[in-house]
Amino acid sequence: MNTNKPKIVVLGAGYAGMMTTKRLTQKLGVDEAEIVLINKHNYHYQSTWLHEVAAGTKKPNEARMMISDVINPRRVRLIYDSVVEIKKDENLVVLENGEVTYDYLVISLGFESNTFGIKGMEENAFSIQDIDSCRLIHDHIEYQFAKYNQEDASDDSLTILVGGGGFTGIEFVGELAEQIPKLCKKYDIDRSKARIIDVEAAPRIMPGFDDELVAYAKKSLEDRGVEFRENAKISECKEDCFVIGEGEEIKAGTIVWTGGVTGNSILGKSGFELTKGKVSVNADLRAPEEENIFVLGDCSWVMDEEAGRPYPPTAQLAIQEADTCAANIKALLYSEPLESFVFDNKGTVASLGKKDAMGTVFSDKRLYGTPAAAMKNVIDNRYLFLLGGPKLILKKGKLPF
């Protein structure tokens, strides 16, 4: 084996990490580079499906896949371990159980929940972060329903309080609106006893969408029993309630925070200069002043020059970044010019449950209801196709049959 081959190390097997690894194996021959993918778990999960796992409308195994099923372990060295620190000056990644050197590094370690310093939120609320945290949320909700008729429980125990009316929060309450009637039936509970309340500090939910789409989403969810408290700033999260404004308490048996995420804390520990918890990358997706380190996905800010602000960190952004990153690593290997990242916005669709959604596709064409839900499935399946072809769609995709 040629030990002089450049070593490319990818940290994190989320959308950006998986697609970058896949693209590198397609662009580079086995003699051109050694590729290493490091991830905490031996599986990759669809982070855009986590809200379904949390609500209980999707089983954990349906939202994840074994990394070795889609990334050939004979072509890529797979290491399952947690990253502790990146020592940039030494070209070294410190893991819990060892160290790995690199010539080129791709950081795609994903997000962590950001509570914005709200008192008690970290201690008292669940958050949608990964498969395990979502399984806990689902189990807790079901437990509240299971014990309701067995004990002298208050109706508040059946209330689910969701902090944050952004993308994740709204998709989550959309799944809850489907799941709660089923739990009520299963445990013989009057549907009116169970409440879903979404609390948003901004004047309205879904700030990234236009008024017409937001009005549709709100009506769809309210018709299925979701309550909204907009313009309601959470000052504290206690064990059994949110404290709103000057002291109003909204009681609940389950509290879930979906109000914000930030880049992985490893970035700060490793000495990267951060803006709101993320690295503001150059146009070629490299970290500023770093020749051989790329930062992708939830760990990075990529500027939308027209809008004068960073692009929102979506799955489609991460997947597109992977193409540019892989091409630029190959360019570096052969001392060729690097390309700038150009985002091709194919639209954004938010799920409101299994058969309902809203959003825009292509040139801001609005979609509602079943057609939007079908488009959401197409978007999810497209990623599976890019990653593992038709076989992976059949195994893990959202199919109409």
Protein backbone atom coordinates (compact mmCIF):
# COMPACT_ATOMS: atom_id res chain seq x y z
CA MET A 1 0.00 0.00 0.00
CA ASN A 2 1.30 3.44 -0.93
CA THR A 3 1.69 5.27 2.40
CA ASN A 4 2.50 8.57 0.64
CA LYS A 5 -1.06 8.98 -0.55
CA PRO A 6 -2.69 12.17 0.76
CA LYS A 7 -5.15 11.44 3.56
CA ILE A 8 -8.59 13.07 3.46
CA VAL A 9 -10.47 12.89 6.75
CA VAL A 10 -14.21 13.63 6.94
CA LEU A 11 -15.68 14.31 10.38
CA GLY A 12 -19.37 13.50 10.76
CA ALA A 13 -21.73 11.35 8.70
CA GLY A 14 -24.61 13.76 8.29
CA TYR A 15 -25.86 14.95 4.91
CA ALA A 16 -22.68 16.93 4.11
CA GLY A 17 -20.27 14.30 5.40
CA MET A 18 -21.94 11.36 3.69
CA MET A 19 -22.28 13.11 0.34
CA THR A 20 -18.72 14.49 0.43
CA THR A 21 -17.37 11.00 1.13
CA LYS A 22 -19.50 9.54 -1.66
CA ARG A 23 -18.36 12.22 -4.14
CA LEU A 24 -14.69 11.77 -3.17
CA THR A 25 -14.91 8.04 -3.93
CA GLN A 26 -16.38 8.91 -7.33
CA LYS A 27 -13.82 11.61 -8.18
CA LEU A 28 -10.66 9.97 -6.88
CA GLY A 29 -9.16 6.58 -7.67
CA VAL A 30 -7.97 4.26 -4.92
CA ASP A 31 -4.33 5.21 -5.63
CA GLU A 32 -4.99 8.97 -5.54
CA ALA A 33 -6.00 9.38 -1.89
CA GLU A 34 -6.83 7.62 1.35
CA ILE A 35 -10.32 8.57 2.55
CA VAL A 36 -11.35 8.30 6.20
CA LEU A 37 -14.86 8.91 7.55
CA ILE A 38 -15.20 9.37 11.32
CA ASN A 39 -18.60 9.26 12.99
CA LYS A 40 -19.86 8.71 16.52
CA HIS A 41 -22.26 5.95 15.47
CA ASN A 42 -22.08 3.21 12.84
CA TYR A 43 -25.25 4.58 11.25
CA HIS A 44 -26.32 7.68 9.34
CA TYR A 45 -29.73 9.18 10.02
CA GLN A 46 -31.94 11.53 8.07
CA SER A 47 -31.96 14.57 10.36
CA THR A 48 -34.94 15.97 8.42
CA TRP A 49 -36.92 12.94 9.63
CA LEU A 50 -36.06 13.29 13.32
CA HIS A 51 -39.31 15.12 14.14
CA GLU A 52 -41.21 12.04 12.92
CA VAL A 53 -39.23 9.76 15.25
CA ALA A 54 -39.86 12.18 18.14
CA ALA A 55 -43.62 12.20 17.47
CA GLY A 56 -43.73 8.43 17.02
CA THR A 57 -44.95 8.45 13.42
CA LYS A 58 -41.69 6.87 12.23
CA LYS A 59 -39.67 4.13 13.93
CA PRO A 60 -36.01 4.92 14.70
CA ASN A 61 -34.73 2.22 12.34
CA GLU A 62 -36.76 3.68 9.47
CA ALA A 63 -34.91 6.99 9.79
CA ARG A 64 -31.39 5.55 9.80
CA MET A 65 -29.12 3.33 7.74
CA MET A 66 -25.84 1.57 8.35
CA ILE A 67 -22.98 3.65 6.98
CA SER A 68 -21.27 0.55 5.59
CA ASP A 69 -24.37 -0.18 3.50
CA VAL A 70 -23.83 2.97 1.42
CA ILE A 71 -20.12 3.75 1.88
CA ASN A 72 -17.86 0.88 0.79
CA PRO A 73 -15.60 0.04 3.78
CA ARG A 74 -13.03 -1.42 1.38
CA ARG A 75 -12.75 2.00 -0.27
CA VAL A 76 -13.18 4.25 2.77
CA ARG A 77 -11.74 3.65 6.22
CA LEU A 78 -14.66 3.92 8.64
CA ILE A 79 -13.90 4.92 12.23
CA TYR A 80 -16.71 4.96 14.80
CA ASP A 81 -15.58 7.28 17.57
CA SER A 82 -16.30 10.72 19.06
CA VAL A 83 -14.23 13.75 18.11
CA VAL A 84 -12.70 15.53 21.13
CA GLU A 85 -10.62 18.23 19.45
CA ILE A 86 -9.02 19.30 16.17
CA LYS A 87 -5.39 20.39 16.46
CA LYS A 88 -5.05 22.50 13.33
CA ASP A 89 -1.35 23.26 13.81
CA GLU A 90 -0.55 19.55 13.94
CA ASN A 91 -3.03 18.36 11.28
CA LEU A 92 -4.43 16.07 13.96
CA VAL A 93 -7.89 14.98 15.07
CA VAL A 94 -8.09 13.83 18.70
CA LEU A 95 -10.73 11.14 19.29
CA GLU A 96 -11.98 9.58 22.52
CA ASN A 97 -10.08 6.41 21.68
CA GLY A 98 -7.14 7.59 19.59
CA GLU A 99 -5.82 10.14 17.13
CA VAL A 100 -5.96 10.51 13.35
CA THR A 101 -3.67 12.66 11.21
CA TYR A 102 -4.86 14.31 8.01
CA ASP A 103 -3.66 16.17 4.96
CA TYR A 104 -7.13 17.51 4.15
CA LEU A 105 -9.97 17.83 6.65
CA VAL A 106 -13.73 18.16 6.13
CA ILE A 107 -15.65 19.23 9.24
CA SER A 108 -19.33 18.32 9.05
CA LEU A 109 -20.09 17.52 12.68
CA GLY A 110 -23.68 18.74 12.62
CA PHE A 111 -25.63 20.86 15.08
CA GLU A 112 -26.24 21.16 18.79
CA SER A 113 -29.32 22.61 20.44
CA ASN A 114 -29.11 26.33 21.22
CA THR A 115 -31.29 27.49 24.13
CA PHE A 116 -30.15 31.15 23.85
CA GLY A 117 -29.53 31.19 27.59
CA ILE A 118 -33.22 30.74 28.52
CA LYS A 119 -33.24 29.82 32.19
CA GLY A 120 -33.97 26.12 32.82
CA MET A 121 -34.42 25.19 29.15
CA GLU A 122 -31.40 22.91 28.92
CA GLU A 123 -32.26 21.12 32.17
CA ASN A 124 -36.04 20.79 31.81
CA ALA A 125 -36.87 20.47 28.10
CA PHE A 126 -36.27 17.69 25.61
CA SER A 127 -34.66 18.63 22.29
CA ILE A 128 -34.69 17.09 18.82
CA GLN A 129 -31.00 16.37 18.24
CA ASP A 130 -30.44 12.77 17.18
CA ILE A 131 -32.11 9.35 17.08
CA ASP A 132 -31.65 8.69 20.80
CA SER A 133 -33.01 12.08 21.96
CA CYS A 134 -36.04 11.62 19.70
CA ARG A 135 -36.72 8.14 21.01
CA LEU A 136 -36.75 9.62 24.53
CA ILE A 137 -39.32 12.24 23.49
CA HIS A 138 -41.62 9.65 21.94
CA ASP A 139 -41.31 7.30 24.94
CA HIS A 140 -42.04 10.14 27.35
CA ILE A 141 -45.16 11.26 25.46
CA GLU A 142 -46.50 7.71 25.30
CA TYR A 143 -45.78 7.23 29.01
CA GLN A 144 -47.86 10.32 29.86
CA PHE A 145 -50.83 8.85 27.97
CA ALA A 146 -50.32 5.33 29.35
CA LYS A 147 -50.35 6.47 32.99
CA TYR A 148 -53.20 9.00 32.60
CA ASN A 149 -56.04 6.58 33.32
CA GLN A 150 -54.02 4.58 35.84
CA GLU A 151 -53.29 7.48 38.17
CA ASP A 152 -55.01 10.59 39.36
CA ALA A 153 -53.16 12.59 36.71
CA SER A 154 -54.04 16.15 35.78
CA ASP A 155 -55.06 17.06 32.23
CA ASP A 156 -51.85 19.11 32.03
CA SER A 157 -49.90 15.84 31.83
CA LEU A 158 -51.40 15.31 28.36
CA THR A 159 -50.30 18.75 27.14
CA ILE A 160 -47.29 18.84 24.84
CA LEU A 161 -45.53 22.18 24.83
CA VAL A 162 -43.24 22.99 21.88
CA GLY A 163 -40.88 25.94 22.14
CA GLY A 164 -40.14 27.48 18.75
CA GLY A 165 -42.29 27.97 15.66
CA GLY A 166 -39.56 27.53 13.07
CA PHE A 167 -39.14 24.69 10.60
CA THR A 168 -38.49 21.87 13.08
CA GLY A 169 -41.12 23.01 15.56
CA ILE A 170 -43.88 23.24 12.97
CA GLU A 171 -43.00 19.92 11.31
CA PHE A 172 -42.98 18.33 14.77
CA VAL A 173 -46.44 19.65 15.76
CA GLY A 174 -47.69 18.50 12.35
CA GLU A 175 -46.67 14.94 13.19
CA LEU A 176 -48.07 15.26 16.73
CA ALA A 177 -51.42 16.33 15.25
CA GLU A 178 -51.50 12.93 13.51
CA GLN A 179 -50.17 10.89 16.42
CA ILE A 180 -52.14 12.29 19.37
CA PRO A 181 -55.59 11.08 18.17
CA LYS A 182 -54.08 7.58 17.81
CA LEU A 183 -52.68 7.69 21.36
CA CYS A 184 -56.04 8.92 22.68
CA LYS A 185 -57.76 5.99 21.00
CA LYS A 186 -55.13 3.50 22.20
CA TYR A 187 -55.44 4.60 25.83
CA ASP A 188 -59.17 5.43 25.78
CA ILE A 189 -58.73 9.15 26.42
CA ASP A 190 -61.06 11.91 25.22
CA ARG A 191 -59.21 13.77 22.42
CA SER A 192 -60.13 17.13 23.91
CA LYS A 193 -58.04 16.34 27.01
CA ALA A 194 -54.77 16.32 25.03
CA ARG A 195 -53.33 19.65 23.89
CA ILE A 196 -50.49 20.61 21.55
CA ILE A 197 -49.27 24.16 22.14
CA ASP A 198 -46.57 25.84 20.06
CA VAL A 199 -44.92 28.93 21.57
CA GLU A 200 -43.05 31.36 19.31
CA ALA A 201 -41.32 34.58 20.40
CA ALA A 202 -41.56 36.23 16.96
CA PRO A 203 -44.78 37.92 15.76
CA ARG A 204 -45.55 34.85 13.64
CA ILE A 205 -44.44 31.25 13.08
CA MET A 206 -42.27 30.12 10.15
CA PRO A 207 -40.32 33.37 9.56
CA GLY A 208 -38.72 32.03 6.34
CA PHE A 209 -42.06 31.63 4.52
CA ASP A 210 -44.42 34.21 3.04
CA ASP A 211 -47.68 35.19 4.72
CA GLU A 212 -49.89 33.12 2.42
CA LEU A 213 -47.99 29.88 3.10
CA VAL A 214 -47.86 30.57 6.84
CA ALA A 215 -51.61 31.24 6.95
CA TYR A 216 -52.23 27.90 5.21
CA ALA A 217 -49.94 26.03 7.64
CA LYS A 218 -51.51 27.65 10.67
CA LYS A 219 -55.07 26.91 9.60
CA SER A 220 -54.21 23.30 8.69
CA LEU A 221 -52.65 22.70 12.11
CA GLU A 222 -55.29 24.60 14.10
CA ASP A 223 -58.01 22.57 12.37
CA ARG A 224 -56.30 19.49 13.81
CA GLY A 225 -56.11 20.86 17.33
CA VAL A 226 -52.75 22.66 17.48
CA GLU A 227 -52.75 25.89 19.52
CA PHE A 228 -50.33 28.75 18.81
CA ARG A 229 -48.94 31.42 21.10
CA GLU A 230 -47.10 33.91 18.91
CA ASN A 231 -45.27 37.00 20.14
CA ALA A 232 -44.77 35.05 23.36
CA LYS A 233 -41.23 35.25 24.69
CA ILE A 234 -40.23 32.39 26.99
CA SER A 235 -38.44 33.80 30.03
CA GLU A 236 -37.98 30.48 31.82
CA CYS A 237 -38.59 26.75 31.43
CA LYS A 238 -39.55 24.97 34.64
CA GLU A 239 -40.04 21.21 35.05
CA ASP A 240 -43.73 21.46 34.24
CA CYS A 241 -44.19 24.72 32.34
CA PHE A 242 -42.96 27.61 30.24
CA VAL A 243 -42.98 31.01 31.91
CA ILE A 244 -44.12 33.57 29.36
CA GLY A 245 -43.42 37.29 29.62
CA GLU A 246 -44.09 38.70 33.07
CA GLY A 247 -44.93 35.42 34.76
CA GLU A 248 -47.74 33.60 32.91
CA GLU A 249 -47.24 29.84 33.22
CA ILE A 250 -48.25 27.34 30.52
CA LYS A 251 -48.31 23.90 32.17
CA ALA A 252 -47.46 20.67 30.34
CA GLY A 253 -46.47 17.05 30.86
CA THR A 254 -44.01 17.12 27.95
CA ILE A 255 -41.82 20.07 26.99
CA VAL A 256 -39.76 20.07 23.78
CA TRP A 257 -37.41 22.86 22.69
CA THR A 258 -36.99 23.33 18.92
CA GLY A 259 -36.16 27.04 19.00
CA GLY A 260 -32.61 27.04 17.72
CA VAL A 261 -29.43 25.19 16.85
CA THR A 262 -25.79 26.10 16.63
CA GLY A 263 -22.68 24.48 15.19
CA ASN A 264 -20.88 21.69 17.05
CA SER A 265 -19.03 22.90 20.16
CA ILE A 266 -15.84 21.14 18.94
CA LEU A 267 -15.33 24.16 16.65
CA GLY A 268 -14.88 26.57 19.54
CA LYS A 269 -12.73 24.13 21.53
CA SER A 270 -10.47 23.76 18.51
CA GLY A 271 -9.79 27.47 18.12
CA PHE A 272 -11.93 28.32 15.09
CA GLU A 273 -13.22 31.87 14.94
CA LEU A 274 -16.98 31.65 15.28
CA THR A 275 -19.95 33.80 14.33
CA LYS A 276 -23.03 32.72 16.32
CA GLY A 277 -21.45 29.31 16.92
CA LYS A 278 -20.44 28.65 13.30
CA VAL A 279 -17.51 29.26 10.97
CA SER A 280 -18.04 31.88 8.25
CA VAL A 281 -16.35 30.04 5.40
CA ASN A 282 -14.71 31.45 2.28
CA ALA A 283 -16.41 31.14 -1.12
CA ASP A 284 -14.53 27.86 -1.72
CA LEU A 285 -15.92 26.49 1.60
CA ARG A 286 -12.57 26.54 3.37
CA ALA A 287 -12.24 27.98 6.86
CA PRO A 288 -10.62 31.44 6.78
CA GLU A 289 -6.81 31.27 6.72
CA GLU A 290 -6.86 27.48 6.44
CA GLU A 291 -5.50 25.94 3.26
CA ASN A 292 -6.63 22.37 3.93
CA ILE A 293 -9.76 22.58 6.13
CA PHE A 294 -13.30 22.69 4.76
CA VAL A 295 -16.32 23.35 6.98
CA LEU A 296 -19.78 22.27 5.80
CA GLY A 297 -23.42 21.93 6.82
CA ASP A 298 -24.59 23.08 10.24
CA CYS A 299 -21.04 23.97 11.28
CA SER A 300 -20.69 26.74 8.68
CA TRP A 301 -22.17 29.99 7.47
CA VAL A 302 -22.17 30.40 3.68
CA MET A 303 -22.99 33.93 2.59
CA ASP A 304 -25.89 34.64 0.27
CA GLU A 305 -24.31 37.71 -1.33
CA GLU A 306 -27.58 38.93 -2.85
CA ALA A 307 -29.48 38.81 0.42
CA GLY A 308 -26.50 39.94 2.50
CA ARG A 309 -26.96 37.13 5.03
CA PRO A 310 -25.97 33.46 5.35
CA TYR A 311 -28.06 30.76 3.69
CA PRO A 312 -30.25 28.84 6.15
CA PRO A 313 -28.52 25.52 6.98
CA THR A 314 -30.79 23.10 5.15
CA ALA A 315 -30.21 19.55 3.93
CA GLN A 316 -30.21 20.70 0.29
CA LEU A 317 -27.51 23.27 1.09
CA ALA A 318 -25.34 20.60 2.77
CA ILE A 319 -25.77 18.18 -0.12
CA GLN A 320 -24.78 20.83 -2.68
CA GLU A 321 -21.81 21.92 -0.56
CA ALA A 322 -20.54 18.34 -0.71
CA ASP A 323 -20.17 18.53 -4.52
CA THR A 324 -18.11 21.73 -4.34
CA CYS A 325 -16.02 20.45 -1.43
CA ALA A 326 -15.12 17.16 -3.15
CA ALA A 327 -14.27 19.00 -6.40
CA ASN A 328 -12.07 21.48 -4.50
CA ILE A 329 -10.19 18.78 -2.61
CA LYS A 330 -9.39 17.12 -5.93
CA ALA A 331 -8.30 20.53 -7.29
CA LEU A 332 -5.97 21.00 -4.31
CA LEU A 333 -4.42 17.56 -4.91
CA TYR A 334 -3.53 18.58 -8.46
CA SER A 335 -2.75 22.28 -7.79
CA GLU A 336 -5.69 23.39 -9.89
CA PRO A 337 -7.89 26.47 -9.25
CA LEU A 338 -10.70 26.03 -6.74
CA GLU A 339 -14.33 26.77 -7.54
CA SER A 340 -16.66 29.01 -5.56
CA PHE A 341 -19.80 27.50 -4.10
CA VAL A 342 -22.99 28.52 -5.88
CA PHE A 343 -26.26 27.54 -4.22
CA ASP A 344 -29.04 26.40 -6.54
CA ASN A 345 -32.17 26.91 -4.46
CA LYS A 346 -34.69 24.28 -5.51
CA GLY A 347 -37.26 25.54 -3.02
CA THR A 348 -38.31 24.62 0.49
CA VAL A 349 -41.23 22.45 1.54
CA ALA A 350 -42.36 22.04 5.16
CA SER A 351 -44.29 18.95 6.18
CA LEU A 352 -47.49 19.44 8.19
CA GLY A 353 -48.13 15.72 8.64
CA LYS A 354 -48.10 12.69 6.37
CA LYS A 355 -50.48 14.05 3.73
CA ASP A 356 -50.15 17.78 4.14
CA ALA A 357 -47.35 20.26 3.52
CA MET A 358 -46.67 23.71 2.12
CA GLY A 359 -43.76 25.48 0.51
CA THR A 360 -42.16 26.70 -2.67
CA VAL A 361 -40.42 24.84 -5.49
CA PHE A 362 -38.41 26.01 -8.50
CA SER A 363 -39.09 29.71 -9.18
CA ASP A 364 -41.06 30.33 -5.99
CA LYS A 365 -44.05 28.31 -7.18
CA ARG A 366 -46.28 27.74 -4.15
CA LEU A 367 -47.49 24.26 -3.32
CA TYR A 368 -50.10 23.24 -0.74
CA GLY A 369 -51.67 20.08 0.63
CA THR A 370 -51.19 16.67 -0.97
CA PRO A 371 -49.10 17.93 -3.95
CA ALA A 372 -46.72 19.63 -1.50
CA ALA A 373 -46.52 16.47 0.64
CA ALA A 374 -45.73 14.45 -2.50
CA MET A 375 -42.99 16.95 -3.42
CA LYS A 376 -41.54 16.67 0.10
CA ASN A 377 -41.25 12.91 -0.43
CA VAL A 378 -39.61 13.46 -3.83
CA ILE A 379 -37.02 15.73 -2.18
CA ASP A 380 -36.28 13.13 0.51
CA ASN A 381 -36.07 10.31 -2.04
CA ARG A 382 -33.74 12.33 -4.28
CA TYR A 383 -31.15 12.46 -1.51
CA LEU A 384 -31.43 8.68 -1.03
CA PHE A 385 -30.97 8.22 -4.77
CA LEU A 386 -27.83 10.41 -4.82
CA LEU A 387 -26.42 8.49 -1.89
CA GLY A 388 -27.30 4.90 -2.73
CA GLY A 389 -29.25 4.72 -5.99
CA PRO A 390 -32.65 3.05 -6.58
CA LYS A 391 -31.83 0.24 -4.14
CA LEU A 392 -31.67 2.68 -1.21
CA ILE A 393 -34.95 4.35 -2.22
CA LEU A 394 -36.69 0.97 -2.20
CA LYS A 395 -35.20 0.18 1.20
CA LYS A 396 -35.58 3.51 2.99
CA GLY A 397 -37.59 5.84 0.74
CA LYS A 398 -41.02 7.36 1.20
CA LEU A 399 -43.02 5.48 -1.38
CA PRO A 400 -46.65 5.96 -2.41
CA PHE A 401 -47.40 2.26 -2.05
